[in-house]
Amino acid sequence: MRLAVRLQREITRLHFYDPGQSDRVIARAIGVSPSTVGAFRNRLRGQSLDWAALQPLDDEAWRHALGTQDHSIAQRKPAPDWAWVHAEMQRPDATLEQLWREWRESCPDGVAYTQFSCGYRAWTRQLHVVMRRVHRPGDKLFVDFAGRTVEIRDRNGGPSTFAQVFVAVLGYSNLTFVHAVPTQTTADWVQCHVRCFEFLGGVPAWVVSDNLKAAVWRRERDQLIINPTYRECLQHYDTAPAPTRARRPKDKAKAEVGVQIAQRWILFRLRDRAFFSVEELNIELLKLTEQLNVHSFKKLQGCRRQRFEEGERGTLKPLPQMIFQLCDWRYEV
């Protein structure tokens, strides 16, 4: 299996932490294709070792235990246009087998019927379906930068700068964290997460973000390249990234609603305030954020803070003994 051992370890860790999680979600967190994750998880299910037994193994022992020594990979066979297959399946009396036979006449080297039917079912699961999302306690933290900035004035009359406002919302309790930083660079993005985990007193299983450069470097056809510094930070806290899919706003609906509430409840109240440092702004943001978290829900009993303390705090992973230290690696040529 031509999959780096470090990626095998990360897939294994996430698999045993949440066996019911989908291959696609883990694939987005790791940065490999869902089919690769699915094949490796099937290998894990076929053996008796658990994470506690696999974790201490060195790379050679790991490959031997799981049988993942490098082997040649068979050439991938062509697959059909699934949109065409789906459109044809809407016609009366259509069957997958008949469509496969017709397609194979024009593509004799294509996938067999089993891969054809499995591929079509996998494709249909990605179709846009509107439904209410139910969030488990301690499962997901939704993060984003607000679209609105806050002016930071210069005491000596120089040009102003504009602070970026980071918003994080827990999926289950809706507990909200708001923090300002000078920029949207990787360093400030990571700092926001460190402060957020300290504010929560624990760590969720997944962190759902947008595709900004501080989180995602680029998307390829079958691979998602996560910012290495961001991935290292989340691994330090024993959690994993779950960036939203492109053009799928409902994946981050919780974050967008949280940003909207933060802008209306917090930033609007600061519209006439003058700030001369980001630290001064964060003092006010913390006060107003706590007021937001103890404000009663309109359609539910209790408030964000109460729902968090009673149903979610205990499900978060503990914080590590040391906070994450951002490092700048430089190599001499």
C-alpha atoms as a PDB file:
ATOM      1  CA  MET A   1       0.000   0.000   0.000  1.00  0.00           C
ATOM      2  CA  ARG A   2       1.571   3.284  -1.145  1.00  0.00           C
ATOM      3  CA  LEU A   3       0.311   5.373   1.746  1.00  0.00           C
ATOM      4  CA  ALA A   4       2.766   7.080   4.068  1.00  0.00           C
ATOM      5  CA  VAL A   5       2.894   5.575   7.551  1.00  0.00           C
ATOM      6  CA  ARG A   6       2.166   8.978   9.116  1.00  0.00           C
ATOM      7  CA  LEU A   7      -1.097   9.106   7.143  1.00  0.00           C
ATOM      8  CA  GLN A   8      -1.862   5.508   8.088  1.00  0.00           C
ATOM      9  CA  ARG A   9      -1.396   6.428  11.746  1.00  0.00           C
ATOM     10  CA  GLU A  10      -3.686   9.460  11.478  1.00  0.00           C
ATOM     11  CA  ILE A  11      -6.433   7.465   9.729  1.00  0.00           C
ATOM     12  CA  THR A  12      -6.109   4.757  12.378  1.00  0.00           C
ATOM     13  CA  ARG A  13      -6.340   7.270  15.234  1.00  0.00           C
ATOM     14  CA  LEU A  14      -9.478   8.889  13.835  1.00  0.00           C
ATOM     15  CA  HIS A  15     -10.989   5.502  12.959  1.00  0.00           C
ATOM     16  CA  PHE A  16     -10.735   4.155  16.493  1.00  0.00           C
ATOM     17  CA  TYR A  17     -11.796   7.462  18.032  1.00  0.00           C
ATOM     18  CA  ASP A  18     -15.037   7.564  16.003  1.00  0.00           C
ATOM     19  CA  PRO A  19     -15.675   4.233  14.198  1.00  0.00           C
ATOM     20  CA  GLY A  20     -19.011   5.482  12.869  1.00  0.00           C
ATOM     21  CA  GLN A  21     -17.555   8.529  11.126  1.00  0.00           C
ATOM     22  CA  SER A  22     -17.735   8.506   7.324  1.00  0.00           C
ATOM     23  CA  ASP A  23     -14.727   7.892   5.084  1.00  0.00           C
ATOM     24  CA  ARG A  24     -15.307  11.229   3.355  1.00  0.00           C
ATOM     25  CA  VAL A  25     -15.065  13.268   6.554  1.00  0.00           C
ATOM     26  CA  ILE A  26     -11.837  11.534   7.595  1.00  0.00           C
ATOM     27  CA  ALA A  27     -10.485  11.950   4.050  1.00  0.00           C
ATOM     28  CA  ARG A  28     -11.030  15.723   4.189  1.00  0.00           C
ATOM     29  CA  ALA A  29      -9.232  15.869   7.529  1.00  0.00           C
ATOM     30  CA  ILE A  30      -6.246  13.807   6.341  1.00  0.00           C
ATOM     31  CA  GLY A  31      -5.990  15.155   2.798  1.00  0.00           C
ATOM     32  CA  VAL A  32      -6.374  11.894   0.835  1.00  0.00           C
ATOM     33  CA  SER A  33      -9.171  10.426  -1.240  1.00  0.00           C
ATOM     34  CA  PRO A  34     -12.203   8.788   0.450  1.00  0.00           C
ATOM     35  CA  SER A  35     -11.562   5.542  -1.426  1.00  0.00           C
ATOM     36  CA  THR A  36      -8.065   5.345   0.088  1.00  0.00           C
ATOM     37  CA  VAL A  37      -9.479   5.930   3.574  1.00  0.00           C
ATOM     38  CA  GLY A  38     -12.198   3.334   2.989  1.00  0.00           C
ATOM     39  CA  ALA A  39      -9.718   0.705   1.806  1.00  0.00           C
ATOM     40  CA  PHE A  40      -7.435   1.292   4.772  1.00  0.00           C
ATOM     41  CA  ARG A  41     -10.325   1.232   7.275  1.00  0.00           C
ATOM     42  CA  ASN A  42     -11.459  -2.106   5.819  1.00  0.00           C
ATOM     43  CA  ARG A  43      -7.954  -3.373   6.503  1.00  0.00           C
ATOM     44  CA  LEU A  44      -8.239  -2.149  10.104  1.00  0.00           C
ATOM     45  CA  ARG A  45     -11.582  -3.888  10.566  1.00  0.00           C
ATOM     46  CA  GLY A  46     -10.071  -7.148   9.327  1.00  0.00           C
ATOM     47  CA  GLN A  47      -7.444  -7.351  12.057  1.00  0.00           C
ATOM     48  CA  SER A  48      -7.655  -7.642  15.837  1.00  0.00           C
ATOM     49  CA  LEU A  49      -5.256  -4.909  17.000  1.00  0.00           C
ATOM     50  CA  ASP A  50      -6.659  -1.696  18.464  1.00  0.00           C
ATOM     51  CA  TRP A  51      -5.153   1.795  18.678  1.00  0.00           C
ATOM     52  CA  ALA A  52      -3.527   1.126  22.059  1.00  0.00           C
ATOM     53  CA  ALA A  53      -1.612  -1.810  20.556  1.00  0.00           C
ATOM     54  CA  LEU A  54      -0.705  -0.087  17.268  1.00  0.00           C
ATOM     55  CA  GLN A  55       0.309   3.359  18.537  1.00  0.00           C
ATOM     56  CA  PRO A  56       3.712   2.427  20.081  1.00  0.00           C
ATOM     57  CA  LEU A  57       4.910   0.430  17.029  1.00  0.00           C
ATOM     58  CA  ASP A  58       7.749   1.817  14.917  1.00  0.00           C
ATOM     59  CA  ASP A  59       7.241   2.176  11.167  1.00  0.00           C
ATOM     60  CA  GLU A  60       8.613  -1.240  10.222  1.00  0.00           C
ATOM     61  CA  ALA A  61       6.590  -3.049  12.888  1.00  0.00           C
ATOM     62  CA  TRP A  62       3.542  -1.014  11.887  1.00  0.00           C
ATOM     63  CA  ARG A  63       3.783  -2.114   8.247  1.00  0.00           C
ATOM     64  CA  HIS A  64       4.316  -5.702   9.278  1.00  0.00           C
ATOM     65  CA  ALA A  65       1.346  -5.670  11.681  1.00  0.00           C
ATOM     66  CA  LEU A  66      -1.048  -4.237   9.114  1.00  0.00           C
ATOM     67  CA  GLY A  67       0.520  -5.748   6.010  1.00  0.00           C
ATOM     68  CA  THR A  68       0.994  -2.369   4.338  1.00  0.00           C
ATOM     69  CA  GLN A  69       4.304  -3.013   2.629  1.00  0.00           C
ATOM     70  CA  ASP A  70       4.642  -1.240  -0.711  1.00  0.00           C
ATOM     71  CA  HIS A  71       3.046  -3.081  -3.611  1.00  0.00           C
ATOM     72  CA  SER A  72       2.313  -2.005  -7.132  1.00  0.00           C
ATOM     73  CA  ILE A  73      -1.081  -0.406  -7.642  1.00  0.00           C
ATOM     74  CA  ALA A  74      -3.194  -1.629 -10.525  1.00  0.00           C
ATOM     75  CA  GLN A  75      -4.114   0.971 -13.105  1.00  0.00           C
ATOM     76  CA  ARG A  76      -7.472   2.530 -12.318  1.00  0.00           C
ATOM     77  CA  LYS A  77     -10.150   1.685 -14.860  1.00  0.00           C
ATOM     78  CA  PRO A  78     -12.289   4.396 -16.466  1.00  0.00           C
ATOM     79  CA  ALA A  79     -15.614   5.246 -14.819  1.00  0.00           C
ATOM     80  CA  PRO A  80     -18.695   6.734 -16.483  1.00  0.00           C
ATOM     81  CA  ASP A  81     -20.159  10.214 -16.170  1.00  0.00           C
ATOM     82  CA  TRP A  82     -22.304   9.676 -13.081  1.00  0.00           C
ATOM     83  CA  ALA A  83     -24.506  12.658 -13.925  1.00  0.00           C
ATOM     84  CA  TRP A  84     -25.450  10.902 -17.176  1.00  0.00           C
ATOM     85  CA  VAL A  85     -26.137   7.656 -15.319  1.00  0.00           C
ATOM     86  CA  HIS A  86     -28.324   9.489 -12.806  1.00  0.00           C
ATOM     87  CA  ALA A  87     -30.290  11.236 -15.543  1.00  0.00           C
ATOM     88  CA  GLU A  88     -30.884   7.932 -17.338  1.00  0.00           C
ATOM     89  CA  MET A  89     -31.993   6.271 -14.102  1.00  0.00           C
ATOM     90  CA  GLN A  90     -34.888   8.733 -13.854  1.00  0.00           C
ATOM     91  CA  ARG A  91     -36.420   7.304 -17.013  1.00  0.00           C
ATOM     92  CA  PRO A  92     -39.117   4.582 -16.734  1.00  0.00           C
ATOM     93  CA  ASP A  93     -37.906   0.962 -16.472  1.00  0.00           C
ATOM     94  CA  ALA A  94     -34.223   1.956 -16.265  1.00  0.00           C
ATOM     95  CA  THR A  95     -31.855  -0.426 -14.485  1.00  0.00           C
ATOM     96  CA  LEU A  96     -28.216  -0.037 -13.550  1.00  0.00           C
ATOM     97  CA  GLU A  97     -27.295  -3.291 -15.232  1.00  0.00           C
ATOM     98  CA  GLN A  98     -28.744  -2.232 -18.585  1.00  0.00           C
ATOM     99  CA  LEU A  99     -27.043   1.149 -18.399  1.00  0.00           C
ATOM    100  CA  TRP A 100     -23.764  -0.559 -17.529  1.00  0.00           C
ATOM    101  CA  ARG A 101     -24.066  -2.857 -20.559  1.00  0.00           C
ATOM    102  CA  GLU A 102     -24.753   0.069 -22.875  1.00  0.00           C
ATOM    103  CA  TRP A 103     -21.852   2.045 -21.442  1.00  0.00           C
ATOM    104  CA  ARG A 104     -19.428  -0.889 -21.689  1.00  0.00           C
ATOM    105  CA  GLU A 105     -20.144  -1.134 -25.405  1.00  0.00           C
ATOM    106  CA  SER A 106     -18.557   2.310 -25.837  1.00  0.00           C
ATOM    107  CA  CYS A 107     -15.916   1.752 -23.137  1.00  0.00           C
ATOM    108  CA  PRO A 108     -14.825  -1.923 -23.093  1.00  0.00           C
ATOM    109  CA  ASP A 109     -11.990  -1.231 -20.616  1.00  0.00           C
ATOM    110  CA  GLY A 110     -14.280   0.454 -18.073  1.00  0.00           C
ATOM    111  CA  VAL A 111     -15.150  -0.678 -14.560  1.00  0.00           C
ATOM    112  CA  ALA A 112     -17.030  -3.913 -13.968  1.00  0.00           C
ATOM    113  CA  TYR A 113     -20.690  -3.948 -12.941  1.00  0.00           C
ATOM    114  CA  THR A 114     -19.935  -4.195  -9.210  1.00  0.00           C
ATOM    115  CA  GLN A 115     -17.723  -1.089  -9.282  1.00  0.00           C
ATOM    116  CA  PHE A 116     -20.286   0.599 -11.538  1.00  0.00           C
ATOM    117  CA  SER A 117     -23.158   0.105  -9.089  1.00  0.00           C
ATOM    118  CA  CYS A 118     -21.036   0.967  -6.032  1.00  0.00           C
ATOM    119  CA  GLY A 119     -19.698   4.070  -7.742  1.00  0.00           C
ATOM    120  CA  TYR A 120     -23.167   5.281  -8.631  1.00  0.00           C
ATOM    121  CA  ARG A 121     -24.469   4.788  -5.082  1.00  0.00           C
ATOM    122  CA  ALA A 122     -21.458   6.682  -3.716  1.00  0.00           C
ATOM    123  CA  TRP A 123     -22.097   9.516  -6.161  1.00  0.00           C
ATOM    124  CA  THR A 124     -25.784   9.812  -5.244  1.00  0.00           C
ATOM    125  CA  ARG A 125     -24.866  10.187  -1.572  1.00  0.00           C
ATOM    126  CA  GLN A 126     -23.138  13.442  -2.478  1.00  0.00           C
ATOM    127  CA  LEU A 127     -26.259  14.983  -3.979  1.00  0.00           C
ATOM    128  CA  HIS A 128     -27.593  18.118  -2.346  1.00  0.00           C
ATOM    129  CA  VAL A 129     -30.227  17.136   0.208  1.00  0.00           C
ATOM    130  CA  VAL A 130     -31.681  19.674   2.622  1.00  0.00           C
ATOM    131  CA  MET A 131     -32.126  18.277   6.097  1.00  0.00           C
ATOM    132  CA  ARG A 132     -31.725  19.324   9.709  1.00  0.00           C
ATOM    133  CA  ARG A 133     -28.264  18.585  11.060  1.00  0.00           C
ATOM    134  CA  VAL A 134     -28.066  17.050  14.521  1.00  0.00           C
ATOM    135  CA  HIS A 135     -24.807  17.723  16.356  1.00  0.00           C
ATOM    136  CA  ARG A 136     -23.428  15.424  19.025  1.00  0.00           C
ATOM    137  CA  PRO A 137     -21.881  16.902  22.186  1.00  0.00           C
ATOM    138  CA  GLY A 138     -18.154  17.468  21.815  1.00  0.00           C
ATOM    139  CA  ASP A 139     -18.144  16.522  18.151  1.00  0.00           C
ATOM    140  CA  LYS A 140     -17.641  19.671  16.070  1.00  0.00           C
ATOM    141  CA  LEU A 141     -16.368  23.214  16.520  1.00  0.00           C
ATOM    142  CA  PHE A 142     -17.231  25.595  13.675  1.00  0.00           C
ATOM    143  CA  VAL A 143     -14.748  28.424  13.071  1.00  0.00           C
ATOM    144  CA  ASP A 144     -14.555  31.396  10.723  1.00  0.00           C
ATOM    145  CA  PHE A 145     -13.556  35.029  10.451  1.00  0.00           C
ATOM    146  CA  ALA A 146     -16.345  37.588  10.527  1.00  0.00           C
ATOM    147  CA  GLY A 147     -16.813  39.669   7.430  1.00  0.00           C
ATOM    148  CA  ARG A 148     -16.735  42.850   9.491  1.00  0.00           C
ATOM    149  CA  THR A 149     -13.523  44.277  10.923  1.00  0.00           C
ATOM    150  CA  VAL A 150     -12.895  46.679  13.824  1.00  0.00           C
ATOM    151  CA  GLU A 151     -10.836  49.822  13.445  1.00  0.00           C
ATOM    152  CA  ILE A 152      -7.739  50.131  15.618  1.00  0.00           C
ATOM    153  CA  ARG A 153      -6.640  53.755  15.799  1.00  0.00           C
ATOM    154  CA  ASP A 154      -3.107  55.054  16.197  1.00  0.00           C
ATOM    155  CA  ARG A 155      -2.563  57.109  19.357  1.00  0.00           C
ATOM    156  CA  ASN A 156      -0.176  59.394  17.500  1.00  0.00           C
ATOM    157  CA  GLY A 157      -2.625  60.171  14.725  1.00  0.00           C
ATOM    158  CA  GLY A 158      -1.154  57.736  12.190  1.00  0.00           C
ATOM    159  CA  PRO A 159      -3.172  55.521   9.860  1.00  0.00           C
ATOM    160  CA  SER A 160      -5.598  53.069  11.399  1.00  0.00           C
ATOM    161  CA  THR A 161      -5.426  49.295  11.109  1.00  0.00           C
ATOM    162  CA  PHE A 162      -8.379  46.926  11.095  1.00  0.00           C
ATOM    163  CA  ALA A 163      -8.563  43.901  13.374  1.00  0.00           C
ATOM    164  CA  GLN A 164      -9.964  40.618  12.114  1.00  0.00           C
ATOM    165  CA  VAL A 165     -12.641  39.020  14.288  1.00  0.00           C
ATOM    166  CA  PHE A 166     -12.492  35.239  14.795  1.00  0.00           C
ATOM    167  CA  VAL A 167     -15.727  33.438  15.720  1.00  0.00           C
ATOM    168  CA  ALA A 168     -16.024  29.838  16.955  1.00  0.00           C
ATOM    169  CA  VAL A 169     -19.263  27.997  17.765  1.00  0.00           C
ATOM    170  CA  LEU A 170     -19.715  24.538  19.286  1.00  0.00           C
ATOM    171  CA  GLY A 171     -22.195  22.486  17.293  1.00  0.00           C
ATOM    172  CA  TYR A 172     -24.182  21.064  20.207  1.00  0.00           C
ATOM    173  CA  SER A 173     -24.413  23.856  22.787  1.00  0.00           C
ATOM    174  CA  ASN A 174     -23.824  26.849  20.475  1.00  0.00           C
ATOM    175  CA  LEU A 175     -21.315  28.186  23.015  1.00  0.00           C
ATOM    176  CA  THR A 176     -19.580  31.047  21.221  1.00  0.00           C
ATOM    177  CA  PHE A 177     -16.034  32.363  21.373  1.00  0.00           C
ATOM    178  CA  VAL A 178     -15.015  35.688  19.782  1.00  0.00           C
ATOM    179  CA  HIS A 179     -11.430  36.923  19.561  1.00  0.00           C
ATOM    180  CA  ALA A 180      -9.683  39.645  17.552  1.00  0.00           C
ATOM    181  CA  VAL A 181      -6.294  39.377  15.849  1.00  0.00           C
ATOM    182  CA  PRO A 182      -4.376  41.774  13.591  1.00  0.00           C
ATOM    183  CA  THR A 183      -4.478  39.623  10.431  1.00  0.00           C
ATOM    184  CA  GLN A 184      -5.805  36.419   8.887  1.00  0.00           C
ATOM    185  CA  THR A 185      -2.327  34.916   8.565  1.00  0.00           C
ATOM    186  CA  THR A 186      -1.530  31.368   9.666  1.00  0.00           C
ATOM    187  CA  ALA A 187       0.098  32.578  12.898  1.00  0.00           C
ATOM    188  CA  ASP A 188      -2.976  34.559  13.960  1.00  0.00           C
ATOM    189  CA  TRP A 189      -5.318  31.779  12.792  1.00  0.00           C
ATOM    190  CA  VAL A 190      -3.466  29.261  14.967  1.00  0.00           C
ATOM    191  CA  GLN A 191      -3.397  31.688  17.900  1.00  0.00           C
ATOM    192  CA  CYS A 192      -7.189  31.995  17.692  1.00  0.00           C
ATOM    193  CA  HIS A 193      -7.568  28.218  17.994  1.00  0.00           C
ATOM    194  CA  VAL A 194      -5.209  28.031  20.960  1.00  0.00           C
ATOM    195  CA  ARG A 195      -7.144  30.776  22.766  1.00  0.00           C
ATOM    196  CA  CYS A 196     -10.450  29.126  21.856  1.00  0.00           C
ATOM    197  CA  PHE A 197      -9.456  25.721  23.274  1.00  0.00           C
ATOM    198  CA  GLU A 198      -8.332  27.419  26.475  1.00  0.00           C
ATOM    199  CA  PHE A 199     -11.663  29.257  26.642  1.00  0.00           C
ATOM    200  CA  LEU A 200     -13.575  25.971  26.232  1.00  0.00           C
ATOM    201  CA  GLY A 201     -11.371  24.098  28.687  1.00  0.00           C
ATOM    202  CA  GLY A 202     -11.244  21.163  26.276  1.00  0.00           C
ATOM    203  CA  VAL A 203     -11.034  20.102  22.639  1.00  0.00           C
ATOM    204  CA  PRO A 204     -13.736  18.816  20.248  1.00  0.00           C
ATOM    205  CA  ALA A 205     -13.247  15.875  17.905  1.00  0.00           C
ATOM    206  CA  TRP A 206     -13.372  17.954  14.705  1.00  0.00           C
ATOM    207  CA  VAL A 207     -12.778  21.567  13.721  1.00  0.00           C
ATOM    208  CA  VAL A 208     -14.871  22.710  10.755  1.00  0.00           C
ATOM    209  CA  SER A 209     -13.408  25.665   8.884  1.00  0.00           C
ATOM    210  CA  ASP A 210     -13.762  27.458   5.595  1.00  0.00           C
ATOM    211  CA  ASN A 211     -11.133  27.056   2.883  1.00  0.00           C
ATOM    212  CA  LEU A 212      -9.032  30.119   3.696  1.00  0.00           C
ATOM    213  CA  LYS A 213      -5.293  29.815   3.039  1.00  0.00           C
ATOM    214  CA  ALA A 214      -4.455  29.654   6.744  1.00  0.00           C
ATOM    215  CA  ALA A 215      -6.377  26.354   6.891  1.00  0.00           C
ATOM    216  CA  VAL A 216      -6.295  24.871   3.383  1.00  0.00           C
ATOM    217  CA  TRP A 217      -3.446  25.417   0.946  1.00  0.00           C
ATOM    218  CA  ARG A 218      -5.202  24.030  -2.112  1.00  0.00           C
ATOM    219  CA  ARG A 219      -7.687  21.472  -3.343  1.00  0.00           C
ATOM    220  CA  GLU A 220      -6.764  18.901  -5.920  1.00  0.00           C
ATOM    221  CA  ARG A 221      -8.971  16.426  -7.693  1.00  0.00           C
ATOM    222  CA  ASP A 222      -8.625  13.661  -5.120  1.00  0.00           C
ATOM    223  CA  GLN A 223      -6.670  15.413  -2.396  1.00  0.00           C
ATOM    224  CA  LEU A 224      -6.979  18.251   0.071  1.00  0.00           C
ATOM    225  CA  ILE A 225      -3.731  19.955   1.098  1.00  0.00           C
ATOM    226  CA  ILE A 226      -4.080  21.227   4.683  1.00  0.00           C
ATOM    227  CA  ASN A 227      -1.773  23.999   5.881  1.00  0.00           C
ATOM    228  CA  PRO A 228       1.003  22.019   7.677  1.00  0.00           C
ATOM    229  CA  THR A 229       1.213  24.460  10.593  1.00  0.00           C
ATOM    230  CA  TYR A 230      -2.535  24.313  11.099  1.00  0.00           C
ATOM    231  CA  ARG A 231      -2.533  20.506  10.935  1.00  0.00           C
ATOM    232  CA  GLU A 232       0.352  20.359  13.426  1.00  0.00           C
ATOM    233  CA  CYS A 233      -1.573  22.609  15.815  1.00  0.00           C
ATOM    234  CA  LEU A 234      -4.716  20.468  15.674  1.00  0.00           C
ATOM    235  CA  GLN A 235      -2.707  17.261  16.070  1.00  0.00           C
ATOM    236  CA  HIS A 236      -1.085  18.750  19.182  1.00  0.00           C
ATOM    237  CA  TYR A 237      -4.587  19.094  20.646  1.00  0.00           C
ATOM    238  CA  ASP A 238      -5.636  15.597  19.452  1.00  0.00           C
ATOM    239  CA  THR A 239      -8.281  16.897  17.055  1.00  0.00           C
ATOM    240  CA  ALA A 240      -8.523  17.066  13.265  1.00  0.00           C
ATOM    241  CA  PRO A 241      -9.588  19.531  10.547  1.00  0.00           C
ATOM    242  CA  ALA A 242     -12.789  19.033   8.577  1.00  0.00           C
ATOM    243  CA  PRO A 243     -12.798  21.828   5.976  1.00  0.00           C
ATOM    244  CA  THR A 244     -16.095  22.493   4.237  1.00  0.00           C
ATOM    245  CA  ARG A 245     -16.641  21.370   0.683  1.00  0.00           C
ATOM    246  CA  ALA A 246     -16.430  23.948  -2.083  1.00  0.00           C
ATOM    247  CA  ARG A 247     -19.777  25.628  -2.812  1.00  0.00           C
ATOM    248  CA  ARG A 248     -21.488  23.801   0.077  1.00  0.00           C
ATOM    249  CA  PRO A 249     -22.537  26.635   2.438  1.00  0.00           C
ATOM    250  CA  LYS A 250     -24.671  24.330   4.576  1.00  0.00           C
ATOM    251  CA  ASP A 251     -21.494  22.548   5.726  1.00  0.00           C
ATOM    252  CA  LYS A 252     -20.615  25.655   7.727  1.00  0.00           C
ATOM    253  CA  ALA A 253     -24.118  26.967   8.444  1.00  0.00           C
ATOM    254  CA  LYS A 254     -23.440  26.926  12.181  1.00  0.00           C
ATOM    255  CA  ALA A 255     -20.380  29.163  11.718  1.00  0.00           C
ATOM    256  CA  GLU A 256     -22.214  31.585   9.431  1.00  0.00           C
ATOM    257  CA  VAL A 257     -25.075  31.928  11.911  1.00  0.00           C
ATOM    258  CA  GLY A 258     -22.560  32.379  14.733  1.00  0.00           C
ATOM    259  CA  VAL A 259     -20.803  35.127  12.774  1.00  0.00           C
ATOM    260  CA  GLN A 260     -24.118  36.837  12.119  1.00  0.00           C
ATOM    261  CA  ILE A 261     -25.085  36.718  15.796  1.00  0.00           C
ATOM    262  CA  ALA A 262     -21.639  37.967  16.863  1.00  0.00           C
ATOM    263  CA  GLN A 263     -21.860  40.885  14.449  1.00  0.00           C
ATOM    264  CA  ARG A 264     -25.353  41.853  15.627  1.00  0.00           C
ATOM    265  CA  TRP A 265     -24.931  41.167  19.349  1.00  0.00           C
ATOM    266  CA  ILE A 266     -21.301  42.232  19.871  1.00  0.00           C
ATOM    267  CA  LEU A 267     -19.794  44.246  17.020  1.00  0.00           C
ATOM    268  CA  PHE A 268     -22.842  46.458  16.567  1.00  0.00           C
ATOM    269  CA  ARG A 269     -22.640  47.464  20.229  1.00  0.00           C
ATOM    270  CA  LEU A 270     -19.026  48.507  19.694  1.00  0.00           C
ATOM    271  CA  ARG A 271     -19.704  50.557  16.572  1.00  0.00           C
ATOM    272  CA  ASP A 272     -19.107  53.916  18.298  1.00  0.00           C
ATOM    273  CA  ARG A 273     -16.227  52.782  20.513  1.00  0.00           C
ATOM    274  CA  ALA A 274     -12.657  53.840  19.769  1.00  0.00           C
ATOM    275  CA  PHE A 275      -9.943  51.215  20.290  1.00  0.00           C
ATOM    276  CA  PHE A 276      -6.203  51.816  20.257  1.00  0.00           C
ATOM    277  CA  SER A 277      -4.979  48.202  20.511  1.00  0.00           C
ATOM    278  CA  VAL A 278      -6.171  44.706  19.748  1.00  0.00           C
ATOM    279  CA  GLU A 279      -5.687  43.777  23.418  1.00  0.00           C
ATOM    280  CA  GLU A 280      -8.076  46.550  24.456  1.00  0.00           C
ATOM    281  CA  LEU A 281     -10.612  45.309  21.928  1.00  0.00           C
ATOM    282  CA  ASN A 282     -10.346  41.712  23.166  1.00  0.00           C
ATOM    283  CA  ILE A 283     -11.157  42.772  26.727  1.00  0.00           C
ATOM    284  CA  GLU A 284     -14.502  44.136  25.520  1.00  0.00           C
ATOM    285  CA  LEU A 285     -15.102  41.183  23.200  1.00  0.00           C
ATOM    286  CA  LEU A 286     -14.666  38.752  26.093  1.00  0.00           C
ATOM    287  CA  LYS A 287     -17.171  40.644  28.254  1.00  0.00           C
ATOM    288  CA  LEU A 288     -19.805  40.811  25.509  1.00  0.00           C
ATOM    289  CA  THR A 289     -19.197  37.190  24.496  1.00  0.00           C
ATOM    290  CA  GLU A 290     -19.951  36.016  28.020  1.00  0.00           C
ATOM    291  CA  GLN A 291     -23.121  38.117  28.026  1.00  0.00           C
ATOM    292  CA  LEU A 292     -24.122  36.407  24.778  1.00  0.00           C
ATOM    293  CA  ASN A 293     -23.439  32.942  26.199  1.00  0.00           C
ATOM    294  CA  VAL A 294     -25.626  33.515  29.273  1.00  0.00           C
ATOM    295  CA  HIS A 295     -28.447  35.145  27.301  1.00  0.00           C
ATOM    296  CA  SER A 296     -31.540  32.913  27.239  1.00  0.00           C
ATOM    297  CA  PHE A 297     -32.508  31.123  24.047  1.00  0.00           C
ATOM    298  CA  LYS A 298     -35.684  32.280  22.348  1.00  0.00           C
ATOM    299  CA  LYS A 299     -37.011  28.825  21.399  1.00  0.00           C
ATOM    300  CA  LEU A 300     -35.130  26.562  23.839  1.00  0.00           C
ATOM    301  CA  GLN A 301     -34.820  26.429  27.594  1.00  0.00           C
ATOM    302  CA  GLY A 302     -31.662  27.727  29.201  1.00  0.00           C
ATOM    303  CA  CYS A 303     -28.732  29.450  27.486  1.00  0.00           C
ATOM    304  CA  ARG A 304     -25.542  28.554  25.661  1.00  0.00           C
ATOM    305  CA  ARG A 305     -23.445  28.439  28.821  1.00  0.00           C
ATOM    306  CA  GLN A 306     -25.934  26.220  30.658  1.00  0.00           C
ATOM    307  CA  ARG A 307     -26.265  23.831  27.722  1.00  0.00           C
ATOM    308  CA  PHE A 308     -22.478  23.646  27.486  1.00  0.00           C
ATOM    309  CA  GLU A 309     -21.887  23.017  31.198  1.00  0.00           C
ATOM    310  CA  GLU A 310     -24.634  20.393  31.493  1.00  0.00           C
ATOM    311  CA  GLY A 311     -24.271  18.502  28.240  1.00  0.00           C
ATOM    312  CA  GLU A 312     -21.011  19.214  26.431  1.00  0.00           C
ATOM    313  CA  ARG A 313     -18.106  20.160  28.677  1.00  0.00           C
ATOM    314  CA  GLY A 314     -17.665  16.578  29.890  1.00  0.00           C
ATOM    315  CA  THR A 315     -17.492  15.232  26.332  1.00  0.00           C
ATOM    316  CA  LEU A 316     -14.558  17.425  25.255  1.00  0.00           C
ATOM    317  CA  LYS A 317     -11.074  15.961  25.149  1.00  0.00           C
ATOM    318  CA  PRO A 318      -8.717  17.274  27.844  1.00  0.00           C
ATOM    319  CA  LEU A 319      -6.219  19.986  26.999  1.00  0.00           C
ATOM    320  CA  PRO A 320      -2.574  18.897  26.623  1.00  0.00           C
ATOM    321  CA  GLN A 321      -0.143  19.788  29.382  1.00  0.00           C
ATOM    322  CA  MET A 322       1.551  22.402  27.197  1.00  0.00           C
ATOM    323  CA  ILE A 323      -0.007  24.870  24.794  1.00  0.00           C
ATOM    324  CA  PHE A 324       0.964  24.719  21.143  1.00  0.00           C
ATOM    325  CA  GLN A 325       4.088  26.712  20.305  1.00  0.00           C
ATOM    326  CA  LEU A 326       4.208  28.121  16.786  1.00  0.00           C
ATOM    327  CA  CYS A 327       7.568  27.389  15.134  1.00  0.00           C
ATOM    328  CA  ASP A 328       9.115  28.943  12.035  1.00  0.00           C
ATOM    329  CA  TRP A 329      11.236  26.309  10.311  1.00  0.00           C
ATOM    330  CA  ARG A 330      14.019  27.487   8.032  1.00  0.00           C
ATOM    331  CA  TYR A 331      16.362  25.300   6.008  1.00  0.00           C
ATOM    332  CA  GLU A 332      19.865  26.182   4.868  1.00  0.00           C
ATOM    333  CA  VAL A 333      20.701  25.299   1.309  1.00  0.00           C
END
